[in-house]
C-alpha atoms as a PDB file:
ATOM      1  CA  MET A   1      -0.037  -0.179   0.004  1.00  0.00           C
ATOM      2  CA  ARG A   2       1.305   3.389  -0.923  1.00  0.00           C
ATOM      3  CA  ARG A   3       2.322   5.552   1.864  1.00  0.00           C
ATOM      4  CA  LEU A   4       1.566   9.447   2.530  1.00  0.00           C
ATOM      5  CA  ILE A   5       4.777  11.065   3.516  1.00  0.00           C
ATOM      6  CA  PRO A   6       3.905  13.212   6.517  1.00  0.00           C
ATOM      7  CA  LEU A   7       5.189  16.863   7.005  1.00  0.00           C
ATOM      8  CA  VAL A   8       5.911  16.040  10.664  1.00  0.00           C
ATOM      9  CA  ALA A   9       8.142  12.730  10.133  1.00  0.00           C
ATOM     10  CA  ALA A  10      11.347  14.702  11.106  1.00  0.00           C
ATOM     11  CA  VAL A  11       9.793  16.413  13.932  1.00  0.00           C
ATOM     12  CA  ALA A  12      10.530  15.374  17.578  1.00  0.00           C
ATOM     13  CA  VAL A  13       7.675  14.347  19.589  1.00  0.00           C
ATOM     14  CA  VAL A  14       9.186  15.866  22.657  1.00  0.00           C
ATOM     15  CA  LEU A  15       8.360  19.489  23.341  1.00  0.00           C
ATOM     16  CA  GLY A  16      10.949  20.688  25.832  1.00  0.00           C
ATOM     17  CA  GLY A  17       9.755  23.110  28.216  1.00  0.00           C
ATOM     18  CA  CYS A  18       6.373  23.921  26.490  1.00  0.00           C
ATOM     19  CA  GLN A  19       3.230  23.285  28.414  1.00  0.00           C
ATOM     20  CA  TYR A  20       1.366  20.474  27.131  1.00  0.00           C
ATOM     21  CA  PRO A  21      -2.452  19.500  27.178  1.00  0.00           C
ATOM     22  CA  LYS A  22      -3.110  16.363  29.178  1.00  0.00           C
ATOM     23  CA  ASP A  23      -5.246  13.360  28.424  1.00  0.00           C
ATOM     24  CA  PRO A  24      -7.416  12.433  31.306  1.00  0.00           C
ATOM     25  CA  ASP A  25      -7.276   8.819  30.003  1.00  0.00           C
ATOM     26  CA  GLY A  26      -3.524   8.928  28.935  1.00  0.00           C
ATOM     27  CA  THR A  27      -4.336   8.193  25.256  1.00  0.00           C
ATOM     28  CA  PHE A  28      -1.223   9.925  23.445  1.00  0.00           C
ATOM     29  CA  ASN A  29       1.438   8.333  26.241  1.00  0.00           C
ATOM     30  CA  ARG A  30      -0.409   5.011  25.998  1.00  0.00           C
ATOM     31  CA  VAL A  31      -0.296   4.995  21.853  1.00  0.00           C
ATOM     32  CA  THR A  32       3.115   6.171  21.625  1.00  0.00           C
ATOM     33  CA  GLY A  33       5.366   3.329  21.258  1.00  0.00           C
ATOM     34  CA  GLY A  34       2.294   1.135  22.169  1.00  0.00           C
ATOM     35  CA  THR A  35      -1.112   0.049  20.493  1.00  0.00           C
ATOM     36  CA  MET A  36      -3.404   2.445  18.920  1.00  0.00           C
ATOM     37  CA  ARG A  37      -6.834   1.091  18.946  1.00  0.00           C
ATOM     38  CA  VAL A  38      -8.859   2.285  15.641  1.00  0.00           C
ATOM     39  CA  GLY A  39     -12.173   1.679  14.730  1.00  0.00           C
ATOM     40  CA  VAL A  40     -12.844   1.754  11.062  1.00  0.00           C
ATOM     41  CA  THR A  41     -15.714   1.300   8.937  1.00  0.00           C
ATOM     42  CA  ASN A  42     -16.494   0.522   5.311  1.00  0.00           C
ATOM     43  CA  ALA A  43     -16.138   3.798   3.082  1.00  0.00           C
ATOM     44  CA  PRO A  44     -14.170   3.984   0.146  1.00  0.00           C
ATOM     45  CA  PRO A  45     -11.898   5.786  -0.834  1.00  0.00           C
ATOM     46  CA  TRP A  46     -11.778   6.981   2.630  1.00  0.00           C
ATOM     47  CA  ALA A  47     -11.509   3.340   4.049  1.00  0.00           C
ATOM     48  CA  GLU A  48     -12.007   0.483   2.470  1.00  0.00           C
ATOM     49  CA  LEU A  49     -12.398  -3.402   4.163  1.00  0.00           C
ATOM     50  CA  LYS A  50     -11.981  -6.888   3.157  1.00  0.00           C
ATOM     51  CA  ASP A  51     -12.785  -9.722   5.652  1.00  0.00           C
ATOM     52  CA  GLY A  52     -12.969  -7.142   8.529  1.00  0.00           C
ATOM     53  CA  LYS A  53      -9.329  -6.034   7.821  1.00  0.00           C
ATOM     54  CA  PRO A  54      -8.625  -2.381   6.191  1.00  0.00           C
ATOM     55  CA  VAL A  55      -7.072  -3.008   2.879  1.00  0.00           C
ATOM     56  CA  GLY A  56      -6.812   0.934   1.476  1.00  0.00           C
ATOM     57  CA  GLY A  57      -8.149   4.076   1.907  1.00  0.00           C
ATOM     58  CA  LEU A  58      -7.073   7.661   2.117  1.00  0.00           C
ATOM     59  CA  GLU A  59      -7.773   7.608   6.355  1.00  0.00           C
ATOM     60  CA  VAL A  60      -6.223   4.183   6.517  1.00  0.00           C
ATOM     61  CA  GLU A  61      -3.186   5.557   5.090  1.00  0.00           C
ATOM     62  CA  LEU A  62      -3.236   8.320   7.402  1.00  0.00           C
ATOM     63  CA  VAL A  63      -3.514   6.561  10.591  1.00  0.00           C
ATOM     64  CA  GLU A  64      -0.469   4.282   9.271  1.00  0.00           C
ATOM     65  CA  ASP A  65       1.561   7.078   8.626  1.00  0.00           C
ATOM     66  CA  PHE A  66       1.013   8.380  12.219  1.00  0.00           C
ATOM     67  CA  ALA A  67       1.471   5.197  14.053  1.00  0.00           C
ATOM     68  CA  ARG A  68       4.854   4.899  11.971  1.00  0.00           C
ATOM     69  CA  VAL A  69       5.942   8.556  13.261  1.00  0.00           C
ATOM     70  CA  HIS A  70       4.762   7.536  16.896  1.00  0.00           C
ATOM     71  CA  GLY A  71       6.107   3.930  16.838  1.00  0.00           C
ATOM     72  CA  ALA A  72       2.953   2.292  17.623  1.00  0.00           C
ATOM     73  CA  LYS A  73       1.085  -0.760  16.514  1.00  0.00           C
ATOM     74  CA  ILE A  74      -2.473  -0.668  15.257  1.00  0.00           C
ATOM     75  CA  GLN A  75      -5.238  -2.696  16.452  1.00  0.00           C
ATOM     76  CA  TRP A  76      -7.928  -2.306  13.725  1.00  0.00           C
ATOM     77  CA  VAL A  77     -11.508  -2.709  15.179  1.00  0.00           C
ATOM     78  CA  ASP A  78     -14.233  -3.029  12.259  1.00  0.00           C
ATOM     79  CA  GLY A  79     -17.867  -1.973  13.035  1.00  0.00           C
ATOM     80  CA  SER A  80     -20.831   0.248  12.081  1.00  0.00           C
ATOM     81  CA  GLU A  81     -20.060   3.868  12.592  1.00  0.00           C
ATOM     82  CA  GLU A  82     -22.830   3.572  15.555  1.00  0.00           C
ATOM     83  CA  GLU A  83     -20.846   0.696  17.305  1.00  0.00           C
ATOM     84  CA  LEU A  84     -17.707   2.406  16.851  1.00  0.00           C
ATOM     85  CA  MET A  85     -18.528   5.619  18.578  1.00  0.00           C
ATOM     86  CA  HIS A  86     -20.207   3.946  21.460  1.00  0.00           C
ATOM     87  CA  ALA A  87     -17.281   1.682  21.838  1.00  0.00           C
ATOM     88  CA  MET A  88     -15.133   5.120  21.749  1.00  0.00           C
ATOM     89  CA  LYS A  89     -17.041   6.499  24.303  1.00  0.00           C
ATOM     90  CA  GLU A  90     -16.911   3.650  26.753  1.00  0.00           C
ATOM     91  CA  GLY A  91     -13.023   3.953  26.047  1.00  0.00           C
ATOM     92  CA  ALA A  92     -12.634   0.632  24.371  1.00  0.00           C
ATOM     93  CA  ILE A  93     -10.904   2.362  21.144  1.00  0.00           C
ATOM     94  CA  ASP A  94      -8.935   5.701  20.560  1.00  0.00           C
ATOM     95  CA  MET A  95     -10.374   6.921  17.350  1.00  0.00           C
ATOM     96  CA  VAL A  96     -12.955   6.591  14.607  1.00  0.00           C
ATOM     97  CA  ILE A  97     -12.468   6.679  10.851  1.00  0.00           C
ATOM     98  CA  GLY A  98     -14.440   5.997   7.608  1.00  0.00           C
ATOM     99  CA  GLY A  99     -15.479   9.200   5.900  1.00  0.00           C
ATOM    100  CA  ILE A 100     -16.849  11.084   8.970  1.00  0.00           C
ATOM    101  CA  THR A 101     -17.809  15.074   8.005  1.00  0.00           C
ATOM    102  CA  ALA A 102     -17.904  17.924  10.545  1.00  0.00           C
ATOM    103  CA  LYS A 103     -21.657  17.859  10.093  1.00  0.00           C
ATOM    104  CA  SER A 104     -22.013  14.097  11.407  1.00  0.00           C
ATOM    105  CA  ARG A 105     -24.525  13.494  13.955  1.00  0.00           C
ATOM    106  CA  TRP A 106     -22.120  12.392  16.146  1.00  0.00           C
ATOM    107  CA  LYS A 107     -20.442  15.839  16.749  1.00  0.00           C
ATOM    108  CA  LYS A 108     -21.692  15.989  20.254  1.00  0.00           C
ATOM    109  CA  GLU A 109     -20.700  12.740  21.287  1.00  0.00           C
ATOM    110  CA  ALA A 110     -16.932  12.819  19.873  1.00  0.00           C
ATOM    111  CA  ALA A 111     -14.458  15.316  19.458  1.00  0.00           C
ATOM    112  CA  PHE A 112     -13.679  16.056  15.994  1.00  0.00           C
ATOM    113  CA  THR A 113     -10.147  17.285  14.367  1.00  0.00           C
ATOM    114  CA  LYS A 114     -10.296  20.410  12.325  1.00  0.00           C
ATOM    115  CA  PRO A 115     -11.031  19.310   8.838  1.00  0.00           C
ATOM    116  CA  TYR A 116      -8.198  17.760   7.059  1.00  0.00           C
ATOM    117  CA  LEU A 117      -9.415  18.010   3.891  1.00  0.00           C
ATOM    118  CA  LYS A 118     -12.594  19.162   1.854  1.00  0.00           C
ATOM    119  CA  SER A 119     -14.754  17.594  -1.120  1.00  0.00           C
ATOM    120  CA  GLN A 120     -17.386  18.254  -3.269  1.00  0.00           C
ATOM    121  CA  THR A 121     -20.234  16.305  -4.995  1.00  0.00           C
ATOM    122  CA  VAL A 122     -20.539  17.725  -8.527  1.00  0.00           C
ATOM    123  CA  ILE A 123     -22.317  17.766 -11.695  1.00  0.00           C
ATOM    124  CA  GLY A 124     -19.851  16.347 -14.111  1.00  0.00           C
ATOM    125  CA  ALA A 125     -19.640  15.786 -18.104  1.00  0.00           C
ATOM    126  CA  PRO A 126     -17.465  14.835 -20.954  1.00  0.00           C
ATOM    127  CA  PRO A 127     -15.449  18.188 -21.864  1.00  0.00           C
ATOM    128  CA  GLY A 128     -17.222  20.203 -24.354  1.00  0.00           C
ATOM    129  CA  SER A 129     -20.598  18.693 -23.126  1.00  0.00           C
ATOM    130  CA  SER A 130     -23.941  21.109 -23.976  1.00  0.00           C
ATOM    131  CA  VAL A 131     -25.431  20.082 -20.751  1.00  0.00           C
ATOM    132  CA  ASP A 132     -27.573  22.097 -19.082  1.00  0.00           C
ATOM    133  CA  PRO A 133     -26.472  22.482 -15.450  1.00  0.00           C
ATOM    134  CA  LYS A 134     -29.852  22.547 -14.009  1.00  0.00           C
ATOM    135  CA  LEU A 135     -30.108  19.108 -15.527  1.00  0.00           C
ATOM    136  CA  LYS A 136     -34.016  20.072 -16.929  1.00  0.00           C
ATOM    137  CA  MET A 137     -35.042  16.886 -18.765  1.00  0.00           C
ATOM    138  CA  ALA A 138     -31.379  15.546 -18.999  1.00  0.00           C
ATOM    139  CA  ARG A 139     -30.286  11.872 -18.356  1.00  0.00           C
ATOM    140  CA  VAL A 140     -28.129  11.778 -15.800  1.00  0.00           C
ATOM    141  CA  ASN A 141     -26.128   9.049 -14.029  1.00  0.00           C
ATOM    142  CA  VAL A 142     -25.852   8.221 -10.155  1.00  0.00           C
ATOM    143  CA  GLU A 143     -24.313   5.322  -8.185  1.00  0.00           C
ATOM    144  CA  ARG A 144     -26.824   2.979  -6.641  1.00  0.00           C
ATOM    145  CA  GLY A 145     -27.096   3.389  -2.849  1.00  0.00           C
ATOM    146  CA  SER A 146     -24.920   6.475  -2.933  1.00  0.00           C
ATOM    147  CA  GLU A 147     -25.722   9.775  -1.201  1.00  0.00           C
ATOM    148  CA  GLU A 148     -25.249  11.299  -4.788  1.00  0.00           C
ATOM    149  CA  ALA A 149     -28.288   9.292  -5.776  1.00  0.00           C
ATOM    150  CA  GLY A 150     -30.453  10.489  -2.949  1.00  0.00           C
ATOM    151  CA  LEU A 151     -29.273  14.091  -3.840  1.00  0.00           C
ATOM    152  CA  ALA A 152     -30.357  13.882  -7.413  1.00  0.00           C
ATOM    153  CA  GLU A 153     -33.671  12.576  -6.704  1.00  0.00           C
ATOM    154  CA  LYS A 154     -34.458  15.839  -4.464  1.00  0.00           C
ATOM    155  CA  LYS A 155     -32.555  18.356  -6.539  1.00  0.00           C
ATOM    156  CA  PHE A 156     -33.348  17.329 -10.351  1.00  0.00           C
ATOM    157  CA  LYS A 157     -37.014  15.877 -10.060  1.00  0.00           C
ATOM    158  CA  SER A 158     -37.283  16.829 -13.963  1.00  0.00           C
ATOM    159  CA  ALA A 159     -33.960  14.853 -15.113  1.00  0.00           C
ATOM    160  CA  ASP A 160     -34.032  11.268 -16.001  1.00  0.00           C
ATOM    161  CA  ILE A 161     -31.946   9.921 -13.383  1.00  0.00           C
ATOM    162  CA  ARG A 162     -30.254   6.452 -14.348  1.00  0.00           C
ATOM    163  CA  VAL A 163     -28.931   4.504 -11.026  1.00  0.00           C
ATOM    164  CA  GLU A 164     -25.814   2.271 -12.129  1.00  0.00           C
ATOM    165  CA  GLU A 165     -23.405  -0.151 -10.158  1.00  0.00           C
ATOM    166  CA  THR A 166     -20.527   2.081 -11.076  1.00  0.00           C
ATOM    167  CA  LEU A 167     -20.449   5.261 -13.226  1.00  0.00           C
ATOM    168  CA  THR A 168     -17.970   3.634 -15.726  1.00  0.00           C
ATOM    169  CA  GLY A 169     -20.762   2.861 -18.166  1.00  0.00           C
ATOM    170  CA  ALA A 170     -22.048   6.612 -18.200  1.00  0.00           C
ATOM    171  CA  ASN A 171     -20.999   6.750 -21.884  1.00  0.00           C
ATOM    172  CA  GLY A 172     -20.650  10.408 -22.103  1.00  0.00           C
ATOM    173  CA  GLU A 173     -23.850  11.396 -20.281  1.00  0.00           C
ATOM    174  CA  PRO A 174     -23.561  13.754 -17.194  1.00  0.00           C
ATOM    175  CA  VAL A 175     -22.939  12.170 -13.863  1.00  0.00           C
ATOM    176  CA  ILE A 176     -23.620  13.444 -10.172  1.00  0.00           C
ATOM    177  CA  ALA A 177     -20.858  12.196  -8.242  1.00  0.00           C
ATOM    178  CA  PRO A 178     -17.630  13.204  -5.951  1.00  0.00           C
ATOM    179  CA  ALA A 179     -15.046  15.213  -7.661  1.00  0.00           C
ATOM    180  CA  TYR A 180     -12.276  13.223  -7.183  1.00  0.00           C
ATOM    181  CA  VAL A 181     -13.653  10.370  -9.782  1.00  0.00           C
ATOM    182  CA  LEU A 182     -14.182  12.528 -12.493  1.00  0.00           C
ATOM    183  CA  ASP A 183     -10.440  12.276 -13.544  1.00  0.00           C
ATOM    184  CA  ASP A 184     -10.961   8.608 -14.184  1.00  0.00           C
ATOM    185  CA  LEU A 185     -14.037   9.209 -16.308  1.00  0.00           C
ATOM    186  CA  LYS A 186     -12.268  11.753 -18.021  1.00  0.00           C
ATOM    187  CA  TYR A 187     -14.996  14.481 -17.283  1.00  0.00           C
ATOM    188  CA  GLN A 188     -15.150  17.957 -15.959  1.00  0.00           C
ATOM    189  CA  GLN A 189     -16.866  19.562 -13.393  1.00  0.00           C
ATOM    190  CA  LEU A 190     -20.116  21.608 -14.481  1.00  0.00           C
ATOM    191  CA  LYS A 191     -21.459  22.682 -11.363  1.00  0.00           C
ATOM    192  CA  PRO A 192     -20.677  22.104  -7.438  1.00  0.00           C
ATOM    193  CA  LEU A 193     -23.498  20.884  -5.282  1.00  0.00           C
ATOM    194  CA  LYS A 194     -22.481  19.938  -2.094  1.00  0.00           C
ATOM    195  CA  LYS A 195     -19.540  20.502  -0.042  1.00  0.00           C
ATOM    196  CA  ASP A 196     -18.026  18.270   2.821  1.00  0.00           C
ATOM    197  CA  LYS A 197     -15.399  18.813   5.439  1.00  0.00           C
ATOM    198  CA  HIS A 198     -13.589  15.506   6.289  1.00  0.00           C
ATOM    199  CA  VAL A 199     -12.468  15.127   9.954  1.00  0.00           C
ATOM    200  CA  LEU A 200     -11.440  12.131  12.552  1.00  0.00           C
ATOM    201  CA  ALA A 201     -13.038  11.207  15.433  1.00  0.00           C
ATOM    202  CA  LEU A 202     -11.405  11.493  18.729  1.00  0.00           C
ATOM    203  CA  PRO A 203     -12.796  10.790  22.483  1.00  0.00           C
ATOM    204  CA  LEU A 204     -13.916  13.740  24.137  1.00  0.00           C
ATOM    205  CA  GLY A 205     -11.546  15.326  26.455  1.00  0.00           C
ATOM    206  CA  GLU A 206      -8.318  13.752  25.462  1.00  0.00           C
ATOM    207  CA  ASN A 207      -6.499  16.904  24.778  1.00  0.00           C
ATOM    208  CA  ALA A 208      -3.151  15.907  24.304  1.00  0.00           C
ATOM    209  CA  TRP A 209      -4.143  13.029  21.674  1.00  0.00           C
ATOM    210  CA  MET A 210      -6.275  16.063  19.723  1.00  0.00           C
ATOM    211  CA  VAL A 211      -3.361  18.160  19.701  1.00  0.00           C
ATOM    212  CA  GLU A 212      -0.818  15.604  18.273  1.00  0.00           C
ATOM    213  CA  TRP A 213      -3.408  14.630  15.589  1.00  0.00           C
ATOM    214  CA  GLU A 214      -4.160  18.266  14.653  1.00  0.00           C
ATOM    215  CA  ARG A 215      -0.201  19.040  14.393  1.00  0.00           C
ATOM    216  CA  PHE A 216       0.326  15.924  12.206  1.00  0.00           C
ATOM    217  CA  ILE A 217      -2.648  16.708   9.598  1.00  0.00           C
ATOM    218  CA  LEU A 218      -1.872  20.544   9.447  1.00  0.00           C
ATOM    219  CA  GLY A 219      -1.064  21.772   6.032  1.00  0.00           C
ATOM    220  CA  ARG A 220      -1.387  18.581   4.658  1.00  0.00           C
ATOM    221  CA  GLU A 221      -4.491  19.108   2.413  1.00  0.00           C
ATOM    222  CA  PRO A 222      -2.826  19.738  -0.966  1.00  0.00           C
ATOM    223  CA  GLU A 223      -0.732  16.340  -0.394  1.00  0.00           C
ATOM    224  CA  LEU A 224      -4.089  14.653   0.569  1.00  0.00           C
ATOM    225  CA  GLY A 225      -6.089  15.819  -1.879  1.00  0.00           C
ATOM    226  CA  ALA A 226      -3.885  14.696  -4.477  1.00  0.00           C
ATOM    227  CA  ARG A 227      -3.787  11.383  -2.859  1.00  0.00           C
ATOM    228  CA  LEU A 228      -7.473  11.101  -3.004  1.00  0.00           C
ATOM    229  CA  MET A 229      -7.585  11.956  -6.757  1.00  0.00           C
ATOM    230  CA  GLU A 230      -5.698   8.698  -6.920  1.00  0.00           C
ATOM    231  CA  VAL A 231      -7.745   6.535  -4.391  1.00  0.00           C
ATOM    232  CA  GLY A 232     -11.113   7.593  -5.243  1.00  0.00           C
ATOM    233  CA  LYS A 233     -12.669   5.667  -8.040  1.00  0.00           C
ATOM    234  CA  PRO A 234     -15.735   5.550 -10.163  1.00  0.00           C
END
């Protein structure tokens, strides 16, 4: 699996005489040189599981990089988002990943990092297409079971919505999809529809743990955005 190159890899963890925030449960100290318990739910391209084990995904790579920098082993715990959030609240795991956004319903029960990356849902079409951005009477493709499919039904009632298993068979017709898949389709963006800010979920009150993660992701959006374009597939 390709590894991201963290900007902080060469920076020492020890902060000299600086006042450092504390974790009531000692998460950061326990994880450093120890074991990091990470809850993960299947949500490509953020996290992809096979037989309950991560096999790829942007956030999986991010966690693996963090673990390597801090000399930690990873104990992966797979489950639904709800199961994992409850487990983290009870102290059974140290963080949850899997495409969580700043608007998640869990924002009052977990501590979210500052957004490490922004993404968009867009209308896309082949270059030079004369597609009406309002999609009036247009045939438009969406992926089955996706958030984009629901968005299309709500916003474009006059469009002919085609629900497909994948978008690779769009055959020159417009799509409603995440912007990061357009490069694989050789499409261009016509109109943004929705923006998301992606975060990592940590336990409430573990302040040193939060500070270390926010330092780790600080300033890495260009790098992570480029990597998302590589791992995000239609």
